[in-house]
Protein backbone atom coordinates (compact mmCIF):
# COMPACT_ATOMS: atom_id res chain seq x y z
CA MET A 1 177.58 121.86 181.14
CA THR A 2 180.06 122.79 178.43
CA GLU A 3 181.45 126.27 178.17
CA GLN A 4 180.31 128.29 175.16
CA TRP A 5 182.97 128.93 172.51
CA MET A 6 183.87 132.58 172.05
CA PRO A 7 185.96 133.96 169.21
CA GLY A 8 189.24 135.62 170.05
CA ASN A 9 189.12 138.04 167.14
CA LYS A 10 187.03 139.15 164.17
CA LYS A 11 188.67 136.65 161.81
CA GLU A 12 187.73 133.73 164.08
CA LEU A 13 184.15 135.00 164.38
CA MET A 14 183.67 135.49 160.66
CA SER A 15 185.27 132.14 159.88
CA ALA A 16 182.97 130.31 162.32
CA ILE A 17 179.90 132.03 160.88
CA GLU A 18 180.97 131.24 157.32
CA GLN A 19 181.66 127.60 158.18
CA GLU A 20 178.18 127.01 159.60
CA TRP A 21 176.56 129.06 156.83
CA THR A 22 178.28 126.98 154.15
CA LEU A 23 177.09 123.73 155.73
CA LEU A 24 173.53 125.07 155.97
CA ILE A 25 173.38 126.32 152.38
CA LYS A 26 174.98 123.15 151.02
CA LEU A 27 172.23 121.15 152.73
CA ALA A 28 169.47 123.49 151.52
CA ASP A 29 170.75 123.37 147.95
CA SER A 30 170.80 119.55 148.03
CA LEU A 31 167.10 119.23 148.89
CA THR A 32 164.41 118.56 146.34
CA ASP A 33 161.32 120.76 146.27
CA GLU A 34 159.39 117.94 147.93
CA GLN A 35 161.96 117.56 150.72
CA MET A 36 162.10 121.32 151.19
CA THR A 37 158.36 121.51 151.87
CA THR A 38 157.84 118.28 153.84
CA PRO A 39 157.17 119.04 157.51
CA ASP A 40 159.07 117.18 160.22
CA SER A 41 157.47 115.72 163.35
CA GLY A 42 157.29 119.24 164.83
CA GLY A 43 155.39 120.56 161.80
CA TRP A 44 158.24 122.59 160.32
CA SER A 45 159.60 121.97 156.82
CA PRO A 46 163.20 122.77 155.88
CA LYS A 47 161.83 125.86 154.11
CA ASP A 48 160.18 126.94 157.37
CA ASN A 49 163.49 126.52 159.21
CA LEU A 50 165.31 128.63 156.62
CA ALA A 51 162.68 131.39 156.74
CA HIS A 52 163.01 131.34 160.53
CA LEU A 53 166.79 131.84 160.28
CA ALA A 54 166.37 134.80 157.94
CA GLU A 55 163.87 136.40 160.30
CA TRP A 56 166.16 136.00 163.31
CA MET A 57 169.20 137.38 161.48
CA ASN A 58 167.01 140.39 160.73
CA VAL A 59 166.07 140.61 164.43
CA LEU A 60 169.76 140.41 165.32
CA MET A 61 170.55 143.38 163.09
CA GLY A 62 167.53 145.55 163.80
CA TYR A 63 166.73 144.81 167.43
CA HIS A 64 170.00 143.74 169.01
CA MET A 65 172.53 145.67 166.94
CA ASP A 66 170.57 148.79 165.95
CA LYS A 67 168.41 148.73 169.12
CA ARG A 68 165.18 149.45 167.27
CA PRO A 69 161.87 148.32 168.80
CA TYR A 70 161.26 144.61 168.18
CA TYR A 71 157.84 145.14 166.62
CA GLU A 72 159.28 147.67 164.17
CA VAL A 73 162.02 145.24 163.17
CA ILE A 74 159.48 142.46 162.63
CA GLY A 75 157.25 144.85 160.70
CA VAL A 76 154.13 144.94 162.85
CA THR A 77 152.58 147.22 165.43
CA GLN A 78 153.07 146.56 169.11
CA GLU A 79 149.35 145.76 169.33
CA VAL A 80 149.78 142.89 166.86
CA LEU A 81 152.68 141.44 168.84
CA PRO A 82 152.51 142.94 172.35
CA GLU A 83 154.99 140.54 173.94
CA TRP A 84 158.67 140.16 173.11
CA SER A 85 159.47 136.52 173.71
CA VAL A 86 160.56 133.59 171.58
CA GLU A 87 157.28 131.87 172.49
CA ALA A 88 155.27 134.78 171.09
CA VAL A 89 157.46 135.69 168.12
CA ASN A 90 158.25 132.26 166.64
CA PRO A 91 154.64 131.20 165.95
CA PHE A 92 153.92 134.61 164.42
CA LEU A 93 156.94 134.40 162.11
CA PHE A 94 156.15 130.78 161.22
CA LYS A 95 152.62 131.68 160.08
CA ARG A 96 153.84 134.71 158.16
CA ASN A 97 156.36 132.69 156.16
CA GLN A 98 154.73 129.29 155.81
CA SER A 99 153.14 129.81 152.39
CA ARG A 100 156.08 131.62 150.80
CA PRO A 101 157.73 129.88 147.83
CA ARG A 102 161.11 128.20 148.21
CA ALA A 103 162.93 130.61 145.89
CA GLU A 104 161.62 133.64 147.79
CA VAL A 105 162.69 132.17 151.15
CA ILE A 106 166.16 131.31 149.83
CA ASP A 107 166.57 134.76 148.29
CA GLN A 108 165.56 136.42 151.57
CA LEU A 109 167.87 134.13 153.56
CA LYS A 110 170.88 134.84 151.34
CA GLY A 111 170.17 138.57 151.15
CA THR A 112 169.75 138.87 154.90
CA TYR A 113 172.94 136.91 155.47
CA ALA A 114 174.87 139.18 153.09
CA ARG A 115 173.60 142.30 154.91
CA LEU A 116 174.50 140.80 158.28
CA ILE A 117 178.01 139.87 157.16
CA GLN A 118 178.53 143.40 155.83
CA LYS A 119 177.28 144.87 159.10
CA LEU A 120 179.59 142.63 161.14
CA GLU A 121 182.55 143.42 158.88
CA ASN A 122 181.95 147.12 159.46
CA MET A 123 181.80 146.77 163.27
CA ALA A 124 184.79 146.93 165.55
CA PHE A 125 185.34 143.58 167.25
CA GLU A 126 185.46 145.37 170.60
CA ASP A 127 181.91 146.68 170.07
CA LEU A 128 180.63 143.09 169.98
CA TRP A 129 181.74 142.72 173.59
CA LYS A 130 179.73 145.69 174.83
CA PRO A 131 176.52 144.93 176.74
CA ARG A 132 173.42 144.65 174.57
CA HIS A 133 171.16 146.02 177.31
CA PRO A 134 172.24 148.77 179.71
CA ASP A 135 170.84 146.89 182.70
CA ARG A 136 172.48 143.52 181.87
CA PRO A 137 176.15 142.71 181.37
CA ASP A 138 175.59 140.17 178.53
CA PRO A 139 177.66 141.20 175.50
CA LEU A 140 176.18 141.61 172.03
CA MET A 141 178.46 138.73 171.00
CA LEU A 142 176.08 136.27 172.68
CA TRP A 143 173.26 137.34 170.35
CA VAL A 144 175.56 137.34 167.32
CA LEU A 145 176.62 133.75 167.99
CA GLY A 146 173.10 132.74 168.99
CA ASP A 147 171.58 134.01 165.74
CA THR A 148 174.40 132.84 163.45
CA THR A 149 176.73 129.92 164.16
CA GLU A 150 174.62 128.32 166.89
CA HIS A 151 171.31 128.94 165.15
CA PHE A 152 172.58 127.75 161.76
CA GLN A 153 173.90 124.54 163.32
CA GLU A 154 170.72 123.94 165.34
CA HIS A 155 168.43 124.28 162.34
CA ARG A 156 170.76 122.40 159.98
CA GLU A 157 170.69 119.46 162.40
CA THR A 158 166.91 119.77 162.71
CA ILE A 159 166.55 119.69 158.92
CA GLU A 160 168.92 116.72 158.60
CA LYS A 161 166.99 114.81 161.26
CA GLY A 162 163.67 115.60 159.59
CA ILE A 163 164.94 114.48 156.20
CA LYS A 164 166.25 111.19 157.62
CA THR A 165 162.96 110.37 159.33
CA SER A 166 160.87 111.19 156.24
CA THR A 167 162.84 108.90 153.91
């Protein structure tokens, strides 16, 4: 098992996020409308992957950073989404975004990214190392990396793989 990379300072963090973001957006911008909406073997199109990333950056800001209730951040009642788990949330978000047009998804993705970058710029680097949950020692940094650099790379690679297998 390889050890997870951790930034040593705010500049390293922001640079790593920007690097993965740039690769993701370059790929998204290169896709035709047909490619953008063609599902891969798992049933997700590149557009679905990008909508997913926007949703999870929003979750990062609202739930993990601002510590608001998950259902409020997602914009539903707790009755609609009673369980907080990736297995429960991802299918819900997928269905909610599946029929949205490409331009709307891209606009949301870019707007959410800009808000997240501003939020991170305004935070002290030391605050990113504080525990996210009072009963667990995991630092907020793990969620920041998980919903930015790591998530961008994961979904970029998923999109690239899907595009290669569909051509």
